[in-house]
Amino acid sequence: MGGKHLILGLAAGYHYGDVRPFLASLDRAAYAGDLVFFVSKTTRDLDRMRQHGVELLPMERPPGTEDVPCNGLRYFLYLEYLRTCGQTYDRILISDVRDVLFQRDPFDFPWPDGVCCTLEDASATVGSCPFNARWVREHLGAPALDAITDRPVSCSGTTVGDHAAMLAYLAKMTGLLLPPSTGECMAGYDQGIHNHLVHTGRINDLTLYDNDGPILTLAQTRGEPAVNAHGEVLNEAGRVPHLVHQYDRKSSLFKMIRERFA
């Protein structure tokens, strides 16, 4: 896909080993677009990260976000960056960085205009997953959970959009992240908001991809994923996905990837 591309991630408190599979696999995929990580004062090995061409920016909290967990804070950082970066990107990927592996250039796929989100394994619904159910119920209320309880879980860790659509999505996310929910096990409540937006029609021009598509999300799947003779992970359609997310949930795959990128 032509045009200017951008990947945004948050590497708060990580060290180089945590993000090496992400960075090294992106190098292997010959990605030539922009790459930006927001980092905290506790992020280590910054020089080694920069060797992969990533721009590192300080994780500075906007006023009013002092109690927002890092998972939620990233949406404020991304929104401000896209509003002030001085250019318009054709496609943007916002991504987790500790548990994502690239097998292809992420933009070597015909992403449509609008926002593209990923679905986890169909066995998990928002209501049946105790974490997602808690995030929606405790932050948005029981009626909000009732409205989407039977819907499949959409993972907030990998989202693609054109510049205007991503700005609109991030504005909706940040608008619902405040006031923050800081109770027990609520650090991931951003995903509850994400699923609320996805499944209540609040995102215009939305396209959903399941595990047959360009992003394989593994947490809810059973067993280890298939791997071809080249060591590439296969999705549920037997094809090579562009991204593999949550590989650390599969012990054999995790070992293989960590050894490959040691």
C-alpha atoms as a PDB file:
ATOM      1  CA  MET A   1       0.000   0.000   0.000  1.00  0.00           C
ATOM      2  CA  GLY A   2       1.447   3.373  -1.005  1.00  0.00           C
ATOM      3  CA  GLY A   3       1.601   6.529   1.092  1.00  0.00           C
ATOM      4  CA  LYS A   4       3.195   7.447   4.381  1.00  0.00           C
ATOM      5  CA  HIS A   5       2.871   4.918   7.205  1.00  0.00           C
ATOM      6  CA  LEU A   6       3.275   5.135  10.968  1.00  0.00           C
ATOM      7  CA  ILE A   7       3.434   2.679  13.866  1.00  0.00           C
ATOM      8  CA  LEU A   8       2.829   3.998  17.388  1.00  0.00           C
ATOM      9  CA  GLY A   9       3.615   2.079  20.566  1.00  0.00           C
ATOM     10  CA  LEU A  10       4.185   2.551  24.289  1.00  0.00           C
ATOM     11  CA  ALA A  11       7.275   0.988  25.904  1.00  0.00           C
ATOM     12  CA  ALA A  12       6.851   2.180  29.491  1.00  0.00           C
ATOM     13  CA  GLY A  13       9.238   0.397  31.857  1.00  0.00           C
ATOM     14  CA  TYR A  14      10.471  -2.088  29.260  1.00  0.00           C
ATOM     15  CA  HIS A  15      14.053  -2.984  28.412  1.00  0.00           C
ATOM     16  CA  TYR A  16      15.521  -3.857  25.036  1.00  0.00           C
ATOM     17  CA  GLY A  17      14.931  -7.599  25.421  1.00  0.00           C
ATOM     18  CA  ASP A  18      11.226  -6.971  25.896  1.00  0.00           C
ATOM     19  CA  VAL A  19      10.851  -5.216  22.552  1.00  0.00           C
ATOM     20  CA  ARG A  20      13.593  -6.840  20.480  1.00  0.00           C
ATOM     21  CA  PRO A  21      11.232  -9.363  18.796  1.00  0.00           C
ATOM     22  CA  PHE A  22       8.968  -6.469  17.771  1.00  0.00           C
ATOM     23  CA  LEU A  23      11.814  -4.326  16.435  1.00  0.00           C
ATOM     24  CA  ALA A  24      13.927  -7.061  14.862  1.00  0.00           C
ATOM     25  CA  SER A  25      10.980  -8.735  13.162  1.00  0.00           C
ATOM     26  CA  LEU A  26       9.879  -5.356  11.791  1.00  0.00           C
ATOM     27  CA  ASP A  27      13.396  -4.933  10.383  1.00  0.00           C
ATOM     28  CA  ARG A  28      13.151  -8.364   8.759  1.00  0.00           C
ATOM     29  CA  ALA A  29       9.860  -7.327   7.196  1.00  0.00           C
ATOM     30  CA  ALA A  30      11.686  -4.380   5.551  1.00  0.00           C
ATOM     31  CA  TYR A  31       9.321  -1.824   7.004  1.00  0.00           C
ATOM     32  CA  ALA A  32      10.263   1.632   5.735  1.00  0.00           C
ATOM     33  CA  GLY A  33       7.700   3.880   7.437  1.00  0.00           C
ATOM     34  CA  ASP A  34       7.857   5.876  10.646  1.00  0.00           C
ATOM     35  CA  LEU A  35       8.031   4.205  14.044  1.00  0.00           C
ATOM     36  CA  VAL A  36       7.477   5.985  17.358  1.00  0.00           C
ATOM     37  CA  PHE A  37       7.647   4.619  20.904  1.00  0.00           C
ATOM     38  CA  PHE A  38       6.663   6.604  23.948  1.00  0.00           C
ATOM     39  CA  VAL A  39       8.966   5.714  26.840  1.00  0.00           C
ATOM     40  CA  SER A  40       8.977   6.307  30.592  1.00  0.00           C
ATOM     41  CA  LYS A  41      11.845   7.227  32.886  1.00  0.00           C
ATOM     42  CA  THR A  42      12.154   3.520  33.737  1.00  0.00           C
ATOM     43  CA  THR A  43      12.489   2.362  30.119  1.00  0.00           C
ATOM     44  CA  ARG A  44      15.997   0.975  29.634  1.00  0.00           C
ATOM     45  CA  ASP A  45      18.450   0.357  26.762  1.00  0.00           C
ATOM     46  CA  LEU A  46      17.230   3.331  24.742  1.00  0.00           C
ATOM     47  CA  ASP A  47      20.319   3.452  22.517  1.00  0.00           C
ATOM     48  CA  ARG A  48      19.830  -0.176  21.488  1.00  0.00           C
ATOM     49  CA  MET A  49      16.210   0.539  20.608  1.00  0.00           C
ATOM     50  CA  ARG A  50      17.220   3.542  18.502  1.00  0.00           C
ATOM     51  CA  GLN A  51      19.492   1.305  16.414  1.00  0.00           C
ATOM     52  CA  HIS A  52      16.293  -0.058  14.863  1.00  0.00           C
ATOM     53  CA  GLY A  53      15.221   3.382  13.697  1.00  0.00           C
ATOM     54  CA  VAL A  54      12.554   3.968  16.313  1.00  0.00           C
ATOM     55  CA  GLU A  55      11.943   7.527  17.489  1.00  0.00           C
ATOM     56  CA  LEU A  56      11.669   7.610  21.284  1.00  0.00           C
ATOM     57  CA  LEU A  57       9.516  10.276  22.904  1.00  0.00           C
ATOM     58  CA  PRO A  58       9.008  10.956  26.619  1.00  0.00           C
ATOM     59  CA  MET A  59       5.771   9.735  28.147  1.00  0.00           C
ATOM     60  CA  GLU A  60       4.485  13.042  29.514  1.00  0.00           C
ATOM     61  CA  ARG A  61       1.066  12.964  31.157  1.00  0.00           C
ATOM     62  CA  PRO A  62      -1.448  15.598  30.045  1.00  0.00           C
ATOM     63  CA  PRO A  63      -3.254  17.401  32.883  1.00  0.00           C
ATOM     64  CA  GLY A  64      -6.011  15.286  34.376  1.00  0.00           C
ATOM     65  CA  THR A  65      -4.454  11.929  33.456  1.00  0.00           C
ATOM     66  CA  GLU A  66      -2.343  11.471  36.586  1.00  0.00           C
ATOM     67  CA  ASP A  67      -4.319   8.374  37.651  1.00  0.00           C
ATOM     68  CA  VAL A  68      -4.863   6.883  34.209  1.00  0.00           C
ATOM     69  CA  PRO A  69      -3.025   3.534  33.820  1.00  0.00           C
ATOM     70  CA  CYS A  70      -0.408   3.339  31.078  1.00  0.00           C
ATOM     71  CA  ASN A  71      -2.738   1.218  28.953  1.00  0.00           C
ATOM     72  CA  GLY A  72      -5.173   4.117  28.876  1.00  0.00           C
ATOM     73  CA  LEU A  73      -2.611   6.901  28.814  1.00  0.00           C
ATOM     74  CA  ARG A  74      -1.263   5.796  25.440  1.00  0.00           C
ATOM     75  CA  TYR A  75      -4.442   6.946  23.664  1.00  0.00           C
ATOM     76  CA  PHE A  76      -3.911  10.507  24.915  1.00  0.00           C
ATOM     77  CA  LEU A  77      -0.272  10.407  23.782  1.00  0.00           C
ATOM     78  CA  TYR A  78      -1.141   9.055  20.354  1.00  0.00           C
ATOM     79  CA  LEU A  79      -3.934  11.584  19.854  1.00  0.00           C
ATOM     80  CA  GLU A  80      -1.700  14.525  20.701  1.00  0.00           C
ATOM     81  CA  TYR A  81       1.074  13.186  18.476  1.00  0.00           C
ATOM     82  CA  LEU A  82      -1.212  12.812  15.451  1.00  0.00           C
ATOM     83  CA  ARG A  83      -2.677  16.262  16.019  1.00  0.00           C
ATOM     84  CA  THR A  84       0.735  17.935  16.131  1.00  0.00           C
ATOM     85  CA  CYS A  85       3.096  15.836  13.989  1.00  0.00           C
ATOM     86  CA  GLY A  86       2.752  18.155  11.003  1.00  0.00           C
ATOM     87  CA  GLN A  87       1.902  15.515   8.417  1.00  0.00           C
ATOM     88  CA  THR A  88      -0.910  13.245   7.365  1.00  0.00           C
ATOM     89  CA  TYR A  89      -0.340   9.494   7.293  1.00  0.00           C
ATOM     90  CA  ASP A  90      -2.056   7.205   4.840  1.00  0.00           C
ATOM     91  CA  ARG A  91      -2.280   4.377   7.386  1.00  0.00           C
ATOM     92  CA  ILE A  92      -1.426   4.163  11.084  1.00  0.00           C
ATOM     93  CA  LEU A  93      -0.998   1.109  13.298  1.00  0.00           C
ATOM     94  CA  ILE A  94      -1.273   1.512  17.064  1.00  0.00           C
ATOM     95  CA  SER A  95       0.202  -1.590  18.607  1.00  0.00           C
ATOM     96  CA  ASP A  96       1.288  -3.329  21.764  1.00  0.00           C
ATOM     97  CA  VAL A  97       5.054  -3.768  21.627  1.00  0.00           C
ATOM     98  CA  ARG A  98       6.024  -6.483  24.121  1.00  0.00           C
ATOM     99  CA  ASP A  99       4.055  -9.361  22.571  1.00  0.00           C
ATOM    100  CA  VAL A 100       3.795  -8.535  18.856  1.00  0.00           C
ATOM    101  CA  LEU A 101       5.768 -10.230  16.073  1.00  0.00           C
ATOM    102  CA  PHE A 102       5.820  -9.070  12.449  1.00  0.00           C
ATOM    103  CA  GLN A 103       5.961 -11.635   9.646  1.00  0.00           C
ATOM    104  CA  ARG A 104       5.203  -9.192   6.833  1.00  0.00           C
ATOM    105  CA  ASP A 105       5.280  -5.425   6.478  1.00  0.00           C
ATOM    106  CA  PRO A 106       2.060  -4.540   8.341  1.00  0.00           C
ATOM    107  CA  PHE A 107       1.026  -2.157   5.567  1.00  0.00           C
ATOM    108  CA  ASP A 108       1.594  -4.699   2.796  1.00  0.00           C
ATOM    109  CA  PHE A 109      -2.113  -5.444   3.127  1.00  0.00           C
ATOM    110  CA  PRO A 110      -5.093  -3.652   1.545  1.00  0.00           C
ATOM    111  CA  TRP A 111      -6.405  -2.025   4.707  1.00  0.00           C
ATOM    112  CA  PRO A 112      -9.619  -0.188   3.805  1.00  0.00           C
ATOM    113  CA  ASP A 113     -10.357   3.386   4.783  1.00  0.00           C
ATOM    114  CA  GLY A 114     -11.731   3.864   8.279  1.00  0.00           C
ATOM    115  CA  VAL A 115     -10.782   1.910  11.377  1.00  0.00           C
ATOM    116  CA  CYS A 116      -9.749  -1.748  11.273  1.00  0.00           C
ATOM    117  CA  CYS A 117     -10.001  -3.767  14.497  1.00  0.00           C
ATOM    118  CA  THR A 118      -9.186  -7.360  15.374  1.00  0.00           C
ATOM    119  CA  LEU A 119     -11.367 -10.018  16.946  1.00  0.00           C
ATOM    120  CA  GLU A 120     -10.032 -12.642  19.297  1.00  0.00           C
ATOM    121  CA  ASP A 121     -11.018 -16.315  19.099  1.00  0.00           C
ATOM    122  CA  ALA A 122     -14.772 -16.751  18.657  1.00  0.00           C
ATOM    123  CA  SER A 123     -14.953 -18.904  21.795  1.00  0.00           C
ATOM    124  CA  ALA A 124     -14.647 -15.773  23.942  1.00  0.00           C
ATOM    125  CA  THR A 125     -17.365 -13.164  24.268  1.00  0.00           C
ATOM    126  CA  VAL A 126     -17.230  -9.901  26.174  1.00  0.00           C
ATOM    127  CA  GLY A 127     -19.539 -11.334  28.821  1.00  0.00           C
ATOM    128  CA  SER A 128     -17.871 -14.730  29.151  1.00  0.00           C
ATOM    129  CA  CYS A 129     -14.368 -13.316  29.610  1.00  0.00           C
ATOM    130  CA  PRO A 130     -14.055 -12.260  33.254  1.00  0.00           C
ATOM    131  CA  PHE A 131     -11.536  -9.532  32.459  1.00  0.00           C
ATOM    132  CA  ASN A 132     -13.439  -7.916  29.615  1.00  0.00           C
ATOM    133  CA  ALA A 133     -16.721  -8.211  31.484  1.00  0.00           C
ATOM    134  CA  ARG A 134     -15.189  -6.535  34.536  1.00  0.00           C
ATOM    135  CA  TRP A 135     -13.675  -3.694  32.477  1.00  0.00           C
ATOM    136  CA  VAL A 136     -16.972  -2.854  30.788  1.00  0.00           C
ATOM    137  CA  ARG A 137     -19.179  -3.297  33.857  1.00  0.00           C
ATOM    138  CA  GLU A 138     -16.979  -1.435  36.342  1.00  0.00           C
ATOM    139  CA  HIS A 139     -16.140   1.473  34.059  1.00  0.00           C
ATOM    140  CA  LEU A 140     -19.229   1.915  31.904  1.00  0.00           C
ATOM    141  CA  GLY A 141     -21.905   0.204  34.010  1.00  0.00           C
ATOM    142  CA  ALA A 142     -23.957  -2.988  33.958  1.00  0.00           C
ATOM    143  CA  PRO A 143     -26.310  -1.813  31.152  1.00  0.00           C
ATOM    144  CA  ALA A 144     -23.290  -1.224  28.904  1.00  0.00           C
ATOM    145  CA  LEU A 145     -22.136  -4.787  29.531  1.00  0.00           C
ATOM    146  CA  ASP A 146     -25.623  -6.197  28.932  1.00  0.00           C
ATOM    147  CA  ALA A 147     -25.693  -4.487  25.533  1.00  0.00           C
ATOM    148  CA  ILE A 148     -22.578  -6.286  24.248  1.00  0.00           C
ATOM    149  CA  THR A 149     -22.277  -9.333  26.497  1.00  0.00           C
ATOM    150  CA  ASP A 150     -22.716 -11.816  23.628  1.00  0.00           C
ATOM    151  CA  ARG A 151     -20.365 -10.034  21.231  1.00  0.00           C
ATOM    152  CA  PRO A 152     -16.902 -11.397  20.397  1.00  0.00           C
ATOM    153  CA  VAL A 153     -13.957  -9.779  22.143  1.00  0.00           C
ATOM    154  CA  SER A 154     -12.113  -7.206  20.070  1.00  0.00           C
ATOM    155  CA  CYS A 155      -8.489  -6.769  21.088  1.00  0.00           C
ATOM    156  CA  SER A 156      -7.454  -3.155  21.639  1.00  0.00           C
ATOM    157  CA  GLY A 157      -3.758  -4.002  21.233  1.00  0.00           C
ATOM    158  CA  THR A 158      -3.632  -3.748  17.421  1.00  0.00           C
ATOM    159  CA  THR A 159      -5.722  -1.218  15.507  1.00  0.00           C
ATOM    160  CA  VAL A 160      -5.186   0.215  12.019  1.00  0.00           C
ATOM    161  CA  GLY A 161      -6.730   3.320  10.500  1.00  0.00           C
ATOM    162  CA  ASP A 162      -6.258   6.179   8.100  1.00  0.00           C
ATOM    163  CA  HIS A 163      -5.205   9.445   9.719  1.00  0.00           C
ATOM    164  CA  ALA A 164      -8.643  11.064  10.022  1.00  0.00           C
ATOM    165  CA  ALA A 165     -10.331   7.863  11.170  1.00  0.00           C
ATOM    166  CA  MET A 166      -7.631   7.186  13.751  1.00  0.00           C
ATOM    167  CA  LEU A 167      -7.978  10.707  15.125  1.00  0.00           C
ATOM    168  CA  ALA A 168     -11.725  10.194  15.500  1.00  0.00           C
ATOM    169  CA  TYR A 169     -11.240   6.812  17.179  1.00  0.00           C
ATOM    170  CA  LEU A 170      -8.658   8.172  19.620  1.00  0.00           C
ATOM    171  CA  ALA A 171     -10.877  11.136  20.462  1.00  0.00           C
ATOM    172  CA  LYS A 172     -13.725   8.760  21.329  1.00  0.00           C
ATOM    173  CA  MET A 173     -11.417   6.559  23.400  1.00  0.00           C
ATOM    174  CA  THR A 174      -9.933   9.446  25.383  1.00  0.00           C
ATOM    175  CA  GLY A 175     -13.375  10.923  25.910  1.00  0.00           C
ATOM    176  CA  LEU A 176     -14.459   7.785  27.752  1.00  0.00           C
ATOM    177  CA  LEU A 177     -11.219   7.068  29.628  1.00  0.00           C
ATOM    178  CA  LEU A 178     -11.870   9.900  32.084  1.00  0.00           C
ATOM    179  CA  PRO A 179     -12.521   9.806  34.937  1.00  0.00           C
ATOM    180  CA  PRO A 180     -10.257   6.770  35.265  1.00  0.00           C
ATOM    181  CA  SER A 181     -11.195   3.478  36.869  1.00  0.00           C
ATOM    182  CA  THR A 182      -8.444   2.503  39.267  1.00  0.00           C
ATOM    183  CA  GLY A 183      -9.923  -0.469  41.106  1.00  0.00           C
ATOM    184  CA  GLU A 184      -8.543  -3.983  41.329  1.00  0.00           C
ATOM    185  CA  CYS A 185      -7.683  -5.567  37.953  1.00  0.00           C
ATOM    186  CA  MET A 186      -8.783  -2.425  36.085  1.00  0.00           C
ATOM    187  CA  ALA A 187      -5.480  -1.506  34.395  1.00  0.00           C
ATOM    188  CA  GLY A 188      -6.846  -2.778  31.068  1.00  0.00           C
ATOM    189  CA  TYR A 189     -10.176  -0.975  31.152  1.00  0.00           C
ATOM    190  CA  ASP A 190      -9.306   0.734  27.877  1.00  0.00           C
ATOM    191  CA  GLN A 191     -10.241  -2.546  26.177  1.00  0.00           C
ATOM    192  CA  GLY A 192     -13.691  -2.369  27.744  1.00  0.00           C
ATOM    193  CA  ILE A 193     -14.172   1.056  26.177  1.00  0.00           C
ATOM    194  CA  HIS A 194     -12.776  -0.211  22.878  1.00  0.00           C
ATOM    195  CA  ASN A 195     -15.301  -3.064  22.803  1.00  0.00           C
ATOM    196  CA  HIS A 196     -18.118  -0.704  23.742  1.00  0.00           C
ATOM    197  CA  LEU A 197     -17.253   1.514  20.754  1.00  0.00           C
ATOM    198  CA  VAL A 198     -16.783  -1.423  18.387  1.00  0.00           C
ATOM    199  CA  HIS A 199     -20.026  -3.204  19.249  1.00  0.00           C
ATOM    200  CA  THR A 200     -22.396  -0.257  19.646  1.00  0.00           C
ATOM    201  CA  GLY A 201     -21.807   1.334  16.260  1.00  0.00           C
ATOM    202  CA  ARG A 202     -19.789   4.254  17.636  1.00  0.00           C
ATOM    203  CA  ILE A 203     -16.938   3.814  15.134  1.00  0.00           C
ATOM    204  CA  ASN A 204     -17.659   4.983  11.601  1.00  0.00           C
ATOM    205  CA  ASP A 205     -16.330   2.932   8.679  1.00  0.00           C
ATOM    206  CA  LEU A 206     -15.360   0.011  10.892  1.00  0.00           C
ATOM    207  CA  THR A 207     -13.894  -3.202   9.490  1.00  0.00           C
ATOM    208  CA  LEU A 208     -13.393  -6.237  11.735  1.00  0.00           C
ATOM    209  CA  TYR A 209     -10.894  -9.024  11.088  1.00  0.00           C
ATOM    210  CA  ASP A 210     -10.933 -12.374  12.853  1.00  0.00           C
ATOM    211  CA  ASN A 211      -8.079 -14.876  13.192  1.00  0.00           C
ATOM    212  CA  ASP A 212      -8.333 -15.809   9.512  1.00  0.00           C
ATOM    213  CA  GLY A 213      -7.063 -12.339   8.643  1.00  0.00           C
ATOM    214  CA  PRO A 214      -3.847 -10.286   8.708  1.00  0.00           C
ATOM    215  CA  ILE A 215      -3.501 -10.267  12.514  1.00  0.00           C
ATOM    216  CA  LEU A 216      -3.476 -13.454  14.574  1.00  0.00           C
ATOM    217  CA  THR A 217      -4.464 -12.849  18.220  1.00  0.00           C
ATOM    218  CA  LEU A 218      -3.606 -15.871  20.332  1.00  0.00           C
ATOM    219  CA  ALA A 219      -4.688 -15.419  23.963  1.00  0.00           C
ATOM    220  CA  GLN A 220      -8.085 -17.105  23.640  1.00  0.00           C
ATOM    221  CA  THR A 221      -7.045 -19.819  21.158  1.00  0.00           C
ATOM    222  CA  ARG A 222      -6.519 -23.438  22.170  1.00  0.00           C
ATOM    223  CA  GLY A 223      -3.125 -25.083  21.905  1.00  0.00           C
ATOM    224  CA  GLU A 224      -0.098 -23.916  19.992  1.00  0.00           C
ATOM    225  CA  PRO A 225      -0.555 -22.333  16.546  1.00  0.00           C
ATOM    226  CA  ALA A 226       0.640 -24.111  13.416  1.00  0.00           C
ATOM    227  CA  VAL A 227       4.088 -23.189  12.075  1.00  0.00           C
ATOM    228  CA  ASN A 228       5.248 -23.788   8.508  1.00  0.00           C
ATOM    229  CA  ALA A 229       8.602 -25.147   7.305  1.00  0.00           C
ATOM    230  CA  HIS A 230      10.063 -21.621   7.308  1.00  0.00           C
ATOM    231  CA  GLY A 231       9.205 -21.085  10.965  1.00  0.00           C
ATOM    232  CA  GLU A 232       6.326 -18.741  10.163  1.00  0.00           C
ATOM    233  CA  VAL A 233       3.226 -18.859  12.324  1.00  0.00           C
ATOM    234  CA  LEU A 234       0.016 -19.653  10.418  1.00  0.00           C
ATOM    235  CA  ASN A 235      -3.406 -18.223  11.060  1.00  0.00           C
ATOM    236  CA  GLU A 236      -6.587 -20.279  11.275  1.00  0.00           C
ATOM    237  CA  ALA A 237      -6.955 -20.209   7.488  1.00  0.00           C
ATOM    238  CA  GLY A 238      -3.489 -21.726   7.090  1.00  0.00           C
ATOM    239  CA  ARG A 239      -1.991 -18.480   5.775  1.00  0.00           C
ATOM    240  CA  VAL A 240       0.889 -16.385   7.093  1.00  0.00           C
ATOM    241  CA  PRO A 241      -0.547 -13.402   8.971  1.00  0.00           C
ATOM    242  CA  HIS A 242       1.255 -10.090   8.878  1.00  0.00           C
ATOM    243  CA  LEU A 243       1.238  -9.787  12.690  1.00  0.00           C
ATOM    244  CA  VAL A 244       1.175 -12.317  15.502  1.00  0.00           C
ATOM    245  CA  HIS A 245      -0.102 -10.877  18.769  1.00  0.00           C
ATOM    246  CA  GLN A 246       0.055 -12.371  22.275  1.00  0.00           C
ATOM    247  CA  TYR A 247       2.645 -14.973  21.290  1.00  0.00           C
ATOM    248  CA  ASP A 248       3.822 -15.021  24.903  1.00  0.00           C
ATOM    249  CA  ARG A 249       0.633 -16.882  25.863  1.00  0.00           C
ATOM    250  CA  LYS A 250       1.903 -19.971  23.996  1.00  0.00           C
ATOM    251  CA  SER A 251       4.919 -21.495  25.716  1.00  0.00           C
ATOM    252  CA  SER A 252       6.472 -23.293  22.738  1.00  0.00           C
ATOM    253  CA  LEU A 253       5.959 -20.349  20.415  1.00  0.00           C
ATOM    254  CA  PHE A 254       7.309 -17.940  23.023  1.00  0.00           C
ATOM    255  CA  LYS A 255      10.450 -20.056  23.421  1.00  0.00           C
ATOM    256  CA  MET A 256      10.945 -20.238  19.645  1.00  0.00           C
ATOM    257  CA  ILE A 257      10.577 -16.494  19.176  1.00  0.00           C
ATOM    258  CA  ARG A 258      12.803 -15.569  22.103  1.00  0.00           C
ATOM    259  CA  GLU A 259      15.509 -17.921  20.840  1.00  0.00           C
ATOM    260  CA  ARG A 260      15.195 -16.515  17.320  1.00  0.00           C
ATOM    261  CA  PHE A 261      15.590 -12.947  18.543  1.00  0.00           C
ATOM    262  CA  ALA A 262      17.950 -13.523  21.494  1.00  0.00           C
END
